Structure formats: structure tokens, C-alpha cells
């Protein structure tokens, strides 16, 4: 009886092991295959929806196109467009893209500016000046660059003319931000002119005329 059981179990075990190895090989083979732009974009959108967006909010794909070794995707979240990139095998998602040939120069320049550290009093004076002039700092609760902007100002961030553009209940742009024509975050409105993207305190001082 024991011999019969052994004759049944051993081949079955080998079959299971072979099946597992075969499945693993197929899985890794599949993930190394280049996906079509639509499939890669759908995979990226699903990942963002499931892991980054609050409940009730959903990302929608506007366009996807080949960009050298990656796919460039244009998404929309609550009426605002964002550009992201995904590797052609669907393994890696890049929230932003940089051309390294020029980015190295830009990064070096930004590092020099940020190394010129300012005191808490200078940062507070700058933040208050921006507010007194009627300038605006439009942002979103999930915007990482908005958070970096606040972190740079540290305790003085409370004096910045910050305007939260995402309604916590609807997760859509507030009426104020819609009326102001805000399409991306962060957006600064200084002396009536809008400029997008993260700004160092030195840049804000230069744009606004506020002395530091």
C-alpha cells in the first residue's frame, strides 16, 4: 500500500514543481516583453488609482505616445492635466521626465541657490511680503512640490499666501481655483502674472520684488 502511495505522490510532486517552474519562467518572460503603449498606460493608470489617489477620485488617460525608450502619458485628475512616463515593459512609472543633458546644469544652479540659506526672519519677512502684496500660492494636498515649497519656508510657511485648490469632499478643483484658471500645481500668481512649478525663496524674491 505504501509503495502505491509513493508511486502516486512522487510523480505528482514532480509535476507540481515543474508546473511552478514553468509558470515562473512564463511570468518573468512576460514581464520583460515590451508592452503596447495602451496596455502600459492602462497599467500605470490602474496603479496610480489604487495606490495614490483618495477614494472617489480617479485618473483618466488623455493621450499616450512613444518617447524614445519610454511611453509618455498625459493624464487628467479633477480637471488638471499631468504628464508622466512609463517604461515600455510596464515595470517602472516616472512621475516626471528630465533631459539629463540640460537637467545637470539646472540642478547645479538650483543647488547653489538653495545653499544660500536664509534665516527664519528672512523667510518670514518674504512670506509676509508676498501675502501683503496680494500674491497667491495655489497648491493641492497631494502635490509633493507644494510640500517641498512649504518645507523650505519651515515655520514661516504659515505666512505664505497658500490656497488649497482641491475640495476635500469632491476631490475636484475649488471654484476659486477654477475661476483663477489654475491647471497645474504649484502655481504662483505674482503681481498678476502666473508662473508654474517649484520656486526657491530667491526666485520668489526676484519675481515679487520682496527683499530678503
N, C-alpha and C. Protein backbone atom coordinates (compact mmCIF):
# COMPACT_ATOMS: atom_id res chain seq x y z
N UNK A 1 0.84 -1.20 0.00
CA UNK A 1 0.00 0.00 0.00
C UNK A 1 0.87 1.25 0.00
N UNK A 2 1.91 1.25 0.88
CA UNK A 2 2.80 2.40 0.95
C UNK A 2 3.52 2.62 -0.36
N UNK A 3 3.88 1.50 -1.01
CA UNK A 3 4.59 1.63 -2.28
C UNK A 3 3.70 2.27 -3.33
N UNK A 4 2.41 1.92 -3.32
CA UNK A 4 1.47 2.51 -4.28
C UNK A 4 1.33 4.00 -4.05
N UNK A 5 1.25 4.41 -2.76
CA UNK A 5 1.11 5.83 -2.43
C UNK A 5 2.34 6.60 -2.91
N UNK A 6 3.53 6.01 -2.69
CA UNK A 6 4.76 6.65 -3.14
C UNK A 6 4.76 6.83 -4.65
N UNK A 7 4.28 5.81 -5.36
CA UNK A 7 4.27 5.88 -6.82
C UNK A 7 3.35 6.99 -7.32
N UNK A 8 2.32 7.30 -6.53
CA UNK A 8 1.37 8.35 -6.93
C UNK A 8 1.89 9.72 -6.53
N UNK A 9 2.39 9.86 -5.28
CA UNK A 9 2.80 11.15 -4.74
C UNK A 9 4.03 11.70 -5.45
N UNK A 10 5.04 10.87 -5.67
CA UNK A 10 6.30 11.36 -6.26
C UNK A 10 6.10 11.96 -7.64
N UNK A 11 5.41 11.29 -8.58
CA UNK A 11 5.18 11.91 -9.89
C UNK A 11 4.34 13.18 -9.78
N UNK A 12 3.36 13.16 -8.87
CA UNK A 12 2.51 14.34 -8.70
C UNK A 12 3.32 15.52 -8.20
N UNK A 13 4.23 15.25 -7.25
CA UNK A 13 5.07 16.33 -6.70
C UNK A 13 5.97 16.90 -7.79
N UNK A 14 6.53 16.02 -8.59
CA UNK A 14 7.39 16.48 -9.68
C UNK A 14 6.60 17.33 -10.67
N UNK A 15 5.38 16.92 -10.93
CA UNK A 15 4.53 17.66 -11.87
C UNK A 15 4.22 19.05 -11.35
N UNK A 16 3.93 19.15 -10.02
CA UNK A 16 3.65 20.44 -9.41
C UNK A 16 4.86 21.35 -9.48
N UNK A 17 6.05 20.78 -9.16
CA UNK A 17 7.28 21.57 -9.21
C UNK A 17 7.55 22.07 -10.62
N UNK A 18 7.39 21.20 -11.59
CA UNK A 18 7.60 21.59 -12.99
C UNK A 18 6.62 22.66 -13.42
N UNK A 19 5.37 22.51 -12.97
CA UNK A 19 4.34 23.49 -13.30
C UNK A 19 4.71 24.84 -12.71
N UNK A 20 5.18 24.84 -11.46
CA UNK A 20 5.58 26.09 -10.80
C UNK A 20 6.75 26.75 -11.51
N UNK A 21 7.76 25.93 -11.86
CA UNK A 21 8.91 26.47 -12.57
C UNK A 21 8.49 27.02 -13.93
N UNK A 22 7.62 26.28 -14.59
CA UNK A 22 7.15 26.74 -15.90
C UNK A 22 6.38 28.03 -15.80
N UNK A 23 5.53 28.16 -14.78
CA UNK A 23 4.75 29.38 -14.57
C UNK A 23 5.67 30.55 -14.27
N UNK A 24 6.67 30.32 -13.39
CA UNK A 24 7.60 31.38 -13.04
C UNK A 24 8.36 31.87 -14.26
N UNK A 25 8.82 30.93 -15.07
CA UNK A 25 9.56 31.31 -16.28
C UNK A 25 8.67 32.12 -17.20
N UNK A 26 7.42 31.69 -17.33
CA UNK A 26 6.48 32.41 -18.19
C UNK A 26 6.22 33.80 -17.65
N UNK A 27 6.08 33.92 -16.32
CA UNK A 27 5.82 35.22 -15.72
C UNK A 27 6.95 36.19 -15.97
N UNK A 28 8.17 35.76 -15.68
CA UNK A 28 9.32 36.64 -15.87
C UNK A 28 9.56 36.93 -17.35
N UNK A 29 9.25 35.97 -18.18
CA UNK A 29 9.39 36.19 -19.62
C UNK A 29 8.38 37.24 -20.08
N UNK A 30 7.16 37.12 -19.56
CA UNK A 30 6.11 38.06 -19.95
C UNK A 30 6.44 39.48 -19.51
N UNK A 31 6.96 39.64 -18.26
CA UNK A 31 7.20 40.99 -17.76
C UNK A 31 8.37 41.66 -18.46
N UNK A 32 9.18 40.89 -19.19
CA UNK A 32 10.29 41.51 -19.90
C UNK A 32 9.91 41.88 -21.33
N UNK A 33 8.72 41.51 -21.75
CA UNK A 33 8.26 41.82 -23.10
C UNK A 33 7.79 43.27 -23.16
N UNK A 34 8.08 43.94 -24.26
CA UNK A 34 7.64 45.32 -24.44
C UNK A 34 6.13 45.34 -24.65
N UNK A 35 5.46 46.15 -23.86
CA UNK A 35 4.00 46.27 -23.96
C UNK A 35 3.63 47.33 -24.98
N UNK A 36 2.42 47.26 -25.48
CA UNK A 36 1.93 48.32 -26.35
C UNK A 36 1.71 49.56 -25.50
N UNK A 37 1.67 50.72 -26.12
CA UNK A 37 1.51 51.96 -25.37
C UNK A 37 0.22 51.98 -24.57
N UNK A 38 -0.86 51.49 -25.16
CA UNK A 38 -2.16 51.48 -24.48
C UNK A 38 -2.15 50.58 -23.25
N UNK A 39 -1.57 49.40 -23.39
CA UNK A 39 -1.52 48.44 -22.28
C UNK A 39 -0.67 48.99 -21.14
N UNK A 40 0.50 49.56 -21.48
CA UNK A 40 1.38 50.12 -20.46
C UNK A 40 0.71 51.29 -19.74
N UNK A 41 0.02 52.15 -20.50
CA UNK A 41 -0.66 53.31 -19.91
C UNK A 41 -1.80 52.87 -19.00
N UNK A 42 -2.56 51.87 -19.43
CA UNK A 42 -3.67 51.36 -18.60
C UNK A 42 -3.13 50.77 -17.30
N UNK A 43 -1.98 50.08 -17.38
CA UNK A 43 -1.37 49.50 -16.19
C UNK A 43 -0.93 50.60 -15.23
N UNK A 44 -0.34 51.67 -15.78
CA UNK A 44 0.11 52.79 -14.96
C UNK A 44 -1.08 53.50 -14.31
N UNK A 45 -2.14 53.71 -15.08
CA UNK A 45 -3.33 54.39 -14.56
C UNK A 45 -3.96 53.58 -13.41
N UNK A 46 -4.03 52.27 -13.58
CA UNK A 46 -4.60 51.41 -12.54
C UNK A 46 -3.76 51.49 -11.27
N UNK A 47 -2.43 51.49 -11.43
CA UNK A 47 -1.53 51.55 -10.28
C UNK A 47 -1.72 52.87 -9.53
N UNK A 48 -1.80 53.98 -10.26
CA UNK A 48 -1.98 55.29 -9.63
C UNK A 48 -3.32 55.37 -8.91
N UNK A 49 -4.37 54.89 -9.56
CA UNK A 49 -5.70 54.92 -8.96
C UNK A 49 -5.75 54.13 -7.66
N UNK A 50 -5.10 52.97 -7.65
CA UNK A 50 -5.17 52.08 -6.49
C UNK A 50 -4.25 52.47 -5.34
N UNK A 51 -3.16 53.20 -5.65
CA UNK A 51 -2.16 53.45 -4.62
C UNK A 51 -1.96 54.90 -4.22
N UNK A 52 -2.39 55.86 -5.04
CA UNK A 52 -2.08 57.24 -4.74
C UNK A 52 -3.28 58.17 -4.60
N UNK A 53 -4.34 57.91 -5.31
CA UNK A 53 -5.47 58.83 -5.29
C UNK A 53 -6.43 58.53 -4.15
N UNK A 54 -7.03 59.57 -3.56
CA UNK A 54 -8.01 59.35 -2.49
C UNK A 54 -9.28 58.72 -3.05
N UNK A 55 -10.04 58.10 -2.18
CA UNK A 55 -11.27 57.43 -2.58
C UNK A 55 -12.23 58.43 -3.24
N UNK A 56 -12.81 58.03 -4.34
CA UNK A 56 -13.74 58.90 -5.05
C UNK A 56 -13.10 59.68 -6.17
N UNK A 57 -11.76 59.68 -6.21
CA UNK A 57 -11.04 60.39 -7.26
C UNK A 57 -10.43 59.37 -8.20
N UNK A 58 -10.40 59.70 -9.49
CA UNK A 58 -9.89 58.75 -10.47
C UNK A 58 -9.12 59.46 -11.57
N UNK A 59 -8.04 58.85 -12.00
CA UNK A 59 -7.22 59.41 -13.07
C UNK A 59 -7.75 58.92 -14.41
N UNK A 60 -7.72 59.77 -15.42
CA UNK A 60 -8.17 59.35 -16.74
C UNK A 60 -7.07 59.66 -17.76
N UNK A 61 -6.89 58.75 -18.70
CA UNK A 61 -5.84 58.89 -19.70
C UNK A 61 -6.34 59.73 -20.87
N UNK A 62 -5.58 60.77 -21.20
CA UNK A 62 -5.93 61.64 -22.34
C UNK A 62 -5.18 61.21 -23.59
N UNK A 63 -3.87 60.93 -23.42
CA UNK A 63 -3.07 60.56 -24.58
C UNK A 63 -1.83 59.79 -24.13
N UNK A 64 -1.33 58.94 -25.00
CA UNK A 64 -0.09 58.22 -24.74
C UNK A 64 0.67 58.11 -26.05
N UNK A 65 1.98 58.32 -25.99
CA UNK A 65 2.79 58.27 -27.20
C UNK A 65 4.20 57.80 -26.85
N UNK A 66 4.90 57.27 -27.84
CA UNK A 66 6.27 56.79 -27.63
C UNK A 66 7.21 57.98 -27.51
N UNK A 67 8.10 57.92 -26.53
CA UNK A 67 9.09 58.98 -26.33
C UNK A 67 10.43 58.32 -26.06
N UNK A 68 11.18 58.08 -27.11
CA UNK A 68 12.46 57.38 -27.02
C UNK A 68 12.27 56.00 -26.38
N UNK A 69 12.85 55.77 -25.20
CA UNK A 69 12.81 54.43 -24.60
C UNK A 69 11.65 54.24 -23.62
N UNK A 70 10.74 55.21 -23.53
CA UNK A 70 9.59 55.11 -22.63
C UNK A 70 8.32 55.55 -23.36
N UNK A 71 7.20 55.41 -22.66
CA UNK A 71 5.93 55.95 -23.17
C UNK A 71 5.58 57.20 -22.37
N UNK A 72 5.24 58.25 -23.08
CA UNK A 72 4.82 59.50 -22.44
C UNK A 72 3.30 59.50 -22.33
N UNK A 73 2.80 59.71 -21.11
CA UNK A 73 1.36 59.68 -20.87
C UNK A 73 0.87 61.04 -20.37
N UNK A 74 -0.30 61.43 -20.84
CA UNK A 74 -0.94 62.64 -20.34
C UNK A 74 -2.22 62.21 -19.63
N UNK A 75 -2.30 62.47 -18.33
CA UNK A 75 -3.45 62.10 -17.52
C UNK A 75 -4.22 63.34 -17.09
N UNK A 76 -5.43 63.12 -16.66
CA UNK A 76 -6.23 64.20 -16.09
C UNK A 76 -6.76 63.78 -14.73
N UNK A 77 -6.59 64.65 -13.74
CA UNK A 77 -7.13 64.40 -12.41
C UNK A 77 -7.90 65.64 -11.99
N UNK A 78 -9.18 65.49 -11.79
CA UNK A 78 -10.03 66.60 -11.34
C UNK A 78 -9.87 67.85 -12.22
N UNK A 79 -9.82 67.64 -13.53
CA UNK A 79 -9.75 68.75 -14.45
C UNK A 79 -8.35 69.29 -14.70
N UNK A 80 -7.34 68.71 -14.07
CA UNK A 80 -5.96 69.18 -14.24
C UNK A 80 -5.15 68.11 -14.96
N UNK A 81 -4.36 68.52 -15.96
CA UNK A 81 -3.56 67.60 -16.74
C UNK A 81 -2.16 67.43 -16.14
N UNK A 82 -1.66 66.19 -16.21
CA UNK A 82 -0.32 65.86 -15.72
C UNK A 82 0.37 64.96 -16.73
N UNK A 83 1.67 65.11 -16.83
CA UNK A 83 2.47 64.27 -17.73
C UNK A 83 3.33 63.32 -16.92
N UNK A 84 3.26 62.04 -17.25
CA UNK A 84 4.07 61.03 -16.59
C UNK A 84 4.66 60.10 -17.66
N UNK A 85 5.56 59.22 -17.22
CA UNK A 85 6.21 58.30 -18.15
C UNK A 85 6.22 56.90 -17.56
N UNK A 86 6.14 55.91 -18.44
CA UNK A 86 6.19 54.51 -18.00
C UNK A 86 7.15 53.76 -18.92
N UNK A 87 7.93 52.83 -18.33
CA UNK A 87 8.84 52.04 -19.15
C UNK A 87 8.03 51.13 -20.07
N UNK A 88 8.62 50.75 -21.19
CA UNK A 88 7.88 50.00 -22.20
C UNK A 88 7.52 48.59 -21.77
N UNK A 89 8.18 48.09 -20.72
CA UNK A 89 7.79 46.77 -20.22
C UNK A 89 6.75 46.87 -19.11
N UNK A 90 6.36 48.13 -18.77
CA UNK A 90 5.33 48.32 -17.75
C UNK A 90 5.79 48.13 -16.33
N UNK A 91 7.11 48.06 -16.11
CA UNK A 91 7.63 47.81 -14.76
C UNK A 91 7.82 49.08 -13.95
N UNK A 92 8.16 50.18 -14.62
CA UNK A 92 8.55 51.39 -13.89
C UNK A 92 7.71 52.59 -14.31
N UNK A 93 7.29 53.36 -13.29
CA UNK A 93 6.50 54.56 -13.51
C UNK A 93 7.31 55.77 -13.07
N UNK A 94 7.36 56.78 -13.92
CA UNK A 94 8.12 58.00 -13.63
C UNK A 94 7.16 59.19 -13.61
N UNK A 95 6.93 59.80 -12.43
CA UNK A 95 6.00 60.94 -12.34
C UNK A 95 6.43 62.12 -13.20
N UNK A 96 7.75 62.30 -13.39
CA UNK A 96 8.25 63.41 -14.19
C UNK A 96 9.39 62.93 -15.07
N UNK A 97 9.66 63.70 -16.12
CA UNK A 97 10.76 63.34 -17.01
C UNK A 97 11.78 64.46 -17.08
N UNK A 98 13.02 64.08 -17.18
CA UNK A 98 14.11 65.07 -17.27
C UNK A 98 15.04 64.71 -18.42
N UNK A 99 15.49 65.73 -19.13
CA UNK A 99 16.53 65.54 -20.13
C UNK A 99 17.85 65.78 -19.41
N UNK A 100 18.58 64.72 -19.18
CA UNK A 100 19.76 64.81 -18.31
C UNK A 100 20.82 65.76 -18.84
N UNK A 101 20.92 65.90 -20.16
CA UNK A 101 21.95 66.77 -20.72
C UNK A 101 21.80 68.21 -20.22
N UNK A 102 20.56 68.65 -20.03
CA UNK A 102 20.33 70.02 -19.57
C UNK A 102 20.00 70.07 -18.09
N UNK A 103 19.42 68.98 -17.56
CA UNK A 103 18.99 68.97 -16.17
C UNK A 103 20.17 69.08 -15.22
N UNK A 104 21.34 68.52 -15.62
CA UNK A 104 22.52 68.59 -14.76
C UNK A 104 22.91 70.04 -14.50
N UNK A 105 22.79 70.86 -15.53
CA UNK A 105 23.14 72.27 -15.39
C UNK A 105 22.12 72.97 -14.51
N UNK A 106 20.83 72.67 -14.74
CA UNK A 106 19.78 73.30 -13.95
C UNK A 106 19.87 72.90 -12.48
N UNK A 107 20.14 71.62 -12.24
CA UNK A 107 20.24 71.14 -10.87
C UNK A 107 21.38 71.82 -10.13
N UNK A 108 22.50 71.97 -10.80
CA UNK A 108 23.65 72.62 -10.18
C UNK A 108 23.32 74.06 -9.81
N UNK A 109 22.61 74.76 -10.70
CA UNK A 109 22.24 76.14 -10.43
C UNK A 109 21.28 76.22 -9.25
N UNK A 110 20.30 75.30 -9.20
CA UNK A 110 19.35 75.29 -8.09
C UNK A 110 20.03 74.97 -6.77
N UNK A 111 21.00 74.06 -6.81
CA UNK A 111 21.72 73.70 -5.58
C UNK A 111 22.48 74.89 -5.03
N UNK A 112 23.07 75.69 -5.92
CA UNK A 112 23.80 76.88 -5.49
C UNK A 112 22.85 77.85 -4.80
N UNK A 113 21.66 78.01 -5.39
CA UNK A 113 20.67 78.93 -4.80
C UNK A 113 20.23 78.45 -3.43
N UNK A 114 19.95 77.13 -3.34
CA UNK A 114 19.42 76.62 -2.08
C UNK A 114 20.49 76.57 -0.99
N UNK A 115 21.77 76.54 -1.39
CA UNK A 115 22.83 76.55 -0.39
C UNK A 115 22.96 77.91 0.26
N UNK A 116 22.42 78.95 -0.43
CA UNK A 116 22.44 80.28 0.15
C UNK A 116 21.31 80.34 1.19
N UNK A 117 21.53 79.69 2.30
CA UNK A 117 20.49 79.54 3.31
C UNK A 117 20.05 80.88 3.87
N UNK A 118 18.76 80.96 4.14
CA UNK A 118 18.17 82.17 4.69
C UNK A 118 17.78 81.92 6.14
N UNK A 119 17.76 82.97 6.92
CA UNK A 119 17.35 82.85 8.32
C UNK A 119 15.83 82.76 8.40
N UNK A 120 15.34 82.32 9.56
CA UNK A 120 13.90 82.25 9.76
C UNK A 120 13.25 83.61 9.61
N UNK A 121 13.93 84.66 10.06
CA UNK A 121 13.38 86.02 9.95
C UNK A 121 13.26 86.45 8.49
N UNK A 122 14.25 86.10 7.68
CA UNK A 122 14.21 86.46 6.27
C UNK A 122 13.07 85.73 5.55
N UNK A 123 12.92 84.46 5.85
CA UNK A 123 11.85 83.68 5.24
C UNK A 123 10.47 84.19 5.67
N UNK A 124 10.34 84.53 6.94
CA UNK A 124 9.07 85.07 7.43
C UNK A 124 8.77 86.41 6.77
N UNK A 125 9.78 87.25 6.64
CA UNK A 125 9.61 88.56 6.01
C UNK A 125 9.16 88.39 4.55
N UNK A 126 9.77 87.44 3.85
CA UNK A 126 9.41 87.19 2.45
C UNK A 126 7.98 86.68 2.33
N UNK A 127 7.62 85.71 3.17
CA UNK A 127 6.27 85.13 3.13
C UNK A 127 5.21 86.20 3.41
N UNK A 128 5.47 87.03 4.41
CA UNK A 128 4.51 88.09 4.76
C UNK A 128 4.41 89.13 3.65
N UNK A 129 5.53 89.43 3.01
CA UNK A 129 5.54 90.40 1.92
C UNK A 129 4.70 89.89 0.75
N UNK A 130 4.83 88.61 0.42
CA UNK A 130 4.05 88.02 -0.68
C UNK A 130 2.55 88.11 -0.38
N UNK A 131 2.20 87.85 0.87
CA UNK A 131 0.80 87.90 1.28
C UNK A 131 0.27 89.33 1.23
N UNK A 132 1.06 90.26 1.74
CA UNK A 132 0.64 91.66 1.77
C UNK A 132 0.46 92.23 0.37
N UNK A 133 1.24 91.73 -0.59
CA UNK A 133 1.14 92.21 -1.96
C UNK A 133 -0.06 91.62 -2.70
N UNK A 134 -0.70 90.63 -2.08
CA UNK A 134 -1.85 90.00 -2.72
C UNK A 134 -1.49 88.87 -3.67
N UNK A 135 -0.23 88.40 -3.58
CA UNK A 135 0.19 87.28 -4.42
C UNK A 135 -0.46 85.99 -3.91
N UNK A 136 -0.49 84.96 -4.74
CA UNK A 136 -1.14 83.70 -4.38
C UNK A 136 -0.22 82.51 -4.67
N UNK A 137 -0.32 81.51 -3.81
CA UNK A 137 0.42 80.26 -3.96
C UNK A 137 -0.63 79.14 -4.01
N UNK A 138 -1.00 78.73 -5.25
CA UNK A 138 -2.04 77.72 -5.44
C UNK A 138 -1.42 76.31 -5.41
N UNK A 139 -2.02 75.44 -4.59
CA UNK A 139 -1.48 74.09 -4.48
C UNK A 139 -2.55 73.06 -4.21
N UNK A 140 -2.11 71.81 -4.06
CA UNK A 140 -3.02 70.69 -3.78
C UNK A 140 -2.43 69.87 -2.65
N UNK A 141 -3.28 69.26 -1.87
CA UNK A 141 -2.85 68.50 -0.70
C UNK A 141 -1.92 67.34 -1.05
N UNK A 142 -2.07 66.79 -2.28
CA UNK A 142 -1.24 65.65 -2.68
C UNK A 142 -0.03 66.06 -3.52
N UNK A 143 0.19 67.35 -3.69
CA UNK A 143 1.27 67.87 -4.53
C UNK A 143 2.60 67.86 -3.77
N UNK A 144 3.54 67.02 -4.20
CA UNK A 144 4.83 66.90 -3.50
C UNK A 144 5.67 68.17 -3.61
N UNK A 145 5.60 68.86 -4.73
CA UNK A 145 6.38 70.09 -4.89
C UNK A 145 5.80 71.22 -4.06
N UNK A 146 4.50 71.18 -3.82
CA UNK A 146 3.89 72.18 -2.93
C UNK A 146 4.41 71.97 -1.51
N UNK A 147 4.53 70.70 -1.12
CA UNK A 147 5.04 70.39 0.21
C UNK A 147 6.50 70.80 0.35
N UNK A 148 7.26 70.59 -0.73
CA UNK A 148 8.67 70.99 -0.69
C UNK A 148 8.77 72.51 -0.51
N UNK A 149 7.88 73.24 -1.20
CA UNK A 149 7.85 74.70 -1.09
C UNK A 149 7.63 75.12 0.36
N UNK A 150 6.69 74.45 1.02
CA UNK A 150 6.39 74.77 2.42
C UNK A 150 7.55 74.38 3.33
N UNK A 151 8.18 73.23 3.03
CA UNK A 151 9.29 72.76 3.86
C UNK A 151 10.46 73.73 3.83
N UNK A 152 10.71 74.33 2.67
CA UNK A 152 11.80 75.29 2.54
C UNK A 152 11.56 76.50 3.44
N UNK A 153 10.29 76.93 3.55
CA UNK A 153 9.96 78.08 4.39
C UNK A 153 9.85 77.71 5.86
N UNK A 154 9.79 76.40 6.13
CA UNK A 154 9.74 75.92 7.52
C UNK A 154 8.61 76.61 8.32
N UNK A 155 8.91 77.16 9.49
CA UNK A 155 7.88 77.78 10.32
C UNK A 155 7.22 78.98 9.65
N UNK A 156 7.95 79.59 8.72
CA UNK A 156 7.41 80.78 8.03
C UNK A 156 6.35 80.41 6.99
N UNK A 157 6.17 79.10 6.73
CA UNK A 157 5.19 78.67 5.73
C UNK A 157 3.77 79.09 6.09
N UNK A 158 3.53 79.27 7.40
CA UNK A 158 2.19 79.68 7.84
C UNK A 158 1.81 81.07 7.33
N UNK A 159 2.81 81.86 6.93
CA UNK A 159 2.55 83.22 6.45
C UNK A 159 2.44 83.29 4.92
N UNK A 160 2.67 82.17 4.26
CA UNK A 160 2.56 82.16 2.79
C UNK A 160 1.10 82.34 2.36
N UNK A 161 0.89 82.94 1.20
CA UNK A 161 -0.49 83.14 0.71
C UNK A 161 -1.02 81.88 0.03
N UNK A 162 -0.99 80.76 0.78
CA UNK A 162 -1.35 79.47 0.20
C UNK A 162 -2.86 79.32 0.00
N UNK A 163 -3.22 78.77 -1.16
CA UNK A 163 -4.63 78.50 -1.48
C UNK A 163 -4.74 77.03 -1.86
N UNK A 164 -5.49 76.26 -1.06
CA UNK A 164 -5.72 74.84 -1.36
C UNK A 164 -6.79 74.73 -2.46
N UNK A 165 -6.41 74.07 -3.55
CA UNK A 165 -7.30 74.01 -4.72
C UNK A 165 -8.18 72.76 -4.78
N UNK A 166 -7.92 71.77 -3.94
CA UNK A 166 -8.70 70.54 -4.00
C UNK A 166 -9.73 70.48 -2.89
N UNK A 167 -10.98 70.43 -3.28
CA UNK A 167 -12.07 70.33 -2.31
C UNK A 167 -11.97 68.97 -1.61
N UNK A 168 -11.89 68.90 -0.28
CA UNK A 168 -11.72 67.63 0.43
C UNK A 168 -12.89 66.66 0.26
N UNK A 169 -14.06 67.17 -0.06
CA UNK A 169 -15.23 66.30 -0.21
C UNK A 169 -15.37 65.77 -1.64
N UNK A 170 -15.23 66.65 -2.62
CA UNK A 170 -15.42 66.24 -4.02
C UNK A 170 -14.12 65.82 -4.70
N UNK A 171 -12.98 66.23 -4.11
CA UNK A 171 -11.67 65.97 -4.70
C UNK A 171 -11.53 66.62 -6.08
N UNK A 172 -12.28 67.67 -6.30
CA UNK A 172 -12.19 68.44 -7.53
C UNK A 172 -11.69 69.84 -7.23
N UNK A 173 -11.29 70.56 -8.28
CA UNK A 173 -10.81 71.92 -8.09
C UNK A 173 -11.89 72.80 -7.48
N UNK A 174 -11.51 73.62 -6.53
CA UNK A 174 -12.46 74.54 -5.92
C UNK A 174 -12.87 75.60 -6.93
N UNK A 175 -13.97 76.28 -6.65
CA UNK A 175 -14.46 77.33 -7.55
C UNK A 175 -13.42 78.43 -7.68
N UNK A 176 -12.78 78.78 -6.56
CA UNK A 176 -11.77 79.84 -6.59
C UNK A 176 -10.64 79.51 -7.57
N UNK A 177 -10.17 78.27 -7.54
CA UNK A 177 -9.07 77.89 -8.41
C UNK A 177 -9.53 77.73 -9.86
N UNK A 178 -10.77 77.29 -10.05
CA UNK A 178 -11.32 77.22 -11.40
C UNK A 178 -11.43 78.62 -12.00
N UNK A 179 -11.94 79.55 -11.22
CA UNK A 179 -12.07 80.93 -11.69
C UNK A 179 -10.71 81.56 -11.98
N UNK A 180 -9.69 81.12 -11.23
CA UNK A 180 -8.35 81.67 -11.43
C UNK A 180 -7.63 80.99 -12.60
N UNK A 181 -8.25 79.95 -13.16
CA UNK A 181 -7.66 79.25 -14.30
C UNK A 181 -6.45 78.41 -13.95
N UNK A 182 -6.43 77.86 -12.73
CA UNK A 182 -5.30 77.05 -12.29
C UNK A 182 -5.38 75.66 -12.93
N UNK A 183 -4.31 75.26 -13.62
CA UNK A 183 -4.29 73.98 -14.33
C UNK A 183 -3.22 73.02 -13.83
N UNK A 184 -2.26 73.51 -13.05
CA UNK A 184 -1.23 72.63 -12.51
C UNK A 184 -0.73 73.19 -11.18
N UNK A 185 -0.05 72.34 -10.41
CA UNK A 185 0.43 72.72 -9.08
C UNK A 185 1.92 72.45 -8.94
N UNK A 186 2.64 73.27 -8.23
CA UNK A 186 2.16 74.55 -7.69
C UNK A 186 2.10 75.62 -8.78
N UNK A 187 1.21 76.59 -8.59
CA UNK A 187 1.14 77.76 -9.47
C UNK A 187 1.20 79.01 -8.59
N UNK A 188 2.11 79.89 -8.92
CA UNK A 188 2.23 81.15 -8.20
C UNK A 188 1.61 82.26 -9.06
N UNK A 189 0.86 83.11 -8.43
CA UNK A 189 0.35 84.31 -9.10
C UNK A 189 1.01 85.50 -8.42
N UNK A 190 1.95 86.11 -9.10
CA UNK A 190 2.73 87.21 -8.54
C UNK A 190 2.57 88.45 -9.39
N UNK A 191 2.11 89.50 -8.77
CA UNK A 191 1.86 90.77 -9.47
C UNK A 191 0.97 90.56 -10.69
N UNK A 192 -0.02 89.66 -10.53
CA UNK A 192 -0.99 89.43 -11.60
C UNK A 192 -0.53 88.44 -12.66
N UNK A 193 0.74 87.99 -12.59
CA UNK A 193 1.27 87.06 -13.58
C UNK A 193 1.41 85.66 -12.96
N UNK A 194 1.00 84.64 -13.71
CA UNK A 194 1.09 83.27 -13.21
C UNK A 194 2.38 82.61 -13.68
N UNK A 195 2.99 81.85 -12.78
CA UNK A 195 4.18 81.06 -13.09
C UNK A 195 4.05 79.72 -12.37
N UNK A 196 4.31 78.63 -13.08
CA UNK A 196 4.10 77.31 -12.51
C UNK A 196 5.41 76.67 -12.06
N UNK A 197 5.29 75.69 -11.17
CA UNK A 197 6.44 74.93 -10.71
C UNK A 197 7.03 75.47 -9.42
N UNK A 198 7.87 74.64 -8.81
CA UNK A 198 8.53 74.98 -7.56
C UNK A 198 9.44 76.20 -7.74
N UNK A 199 9.42 77.09 -6.77
CA UNK A 199 10.27 78.29 -6.81
C UNK A 199 11.06 78.38 -5.50
N UNK A 200 12.34 78.68 -5.61
CA UNK A 200 13.16 78.89 -4.42
C UNK A 200 12.79 80.25 -3.82
N UNK A 201 13.09 80.48 -2.55
CA UNK A 201 12.83 81.80 -1.96
C UNK A 201 13.51 82.92 -2.74
N UNK A 202 14.72 82.65 -3.26
CA UNK A 202 15.43 83.66 -4.04
C UNK A 202 14.67 84.01 -5.31
N UNK A 203 14.09 82.99 -5.95
CA UNK A 203 13.32 83.23 -7.17
C UNK A 203 12.06 84.02 -6.86
N UNK A 204 11.40 83.69 -5.76
CA UNK A 204 10.18 84.39 -5.36
C UNK A 204 10.50 85.85 -5.03
N UNK A 205 11.64 86.06 -4.42
CA UNK A 205 12.05 87.42 -4.09
C UNK A 205 12.27 88.23 -5.37
N UNK A 206 12.93 87.61 -6.34
CA UNK A 206 13.21 88.29 -7.60
C UNK A 206 11.94 88.58 -8.38
N UNK A 207 11.01 87.61 -8.40
CA UNK A 207 9.77 87.78 -9.16
C UNK A 207 8.85 88.82 -8.54
N UNK A 208 8.83 88.86 -7.21
CA UNK A 208 7.89 89.72 -6.50
C UNK A 208 8.43 91.09 -6.15
N UNK A 209 9.76 91.19 -6.07
CA UNK A 209 10.35 92.45 -5.63
C UNK A 209 10.45 92.54 -4.13
N UNK A 210 10.05 91.48 -3.43
CA UNK A 210 10.16 91.44 -1.97
C UNK A 210 11.62 91.20 -1.58
N UNK A 211 12.16 92.06 -0.77
CA UNK A 211 13.56 91.96 -0.38
C UNK A 211 13.78 90.91 0.70
N UNK A 212 14.91 90.22 0.63
CA UNK A 212 15.26 89.24 1.66
C UNK A 212 16.70 89.50 2.13
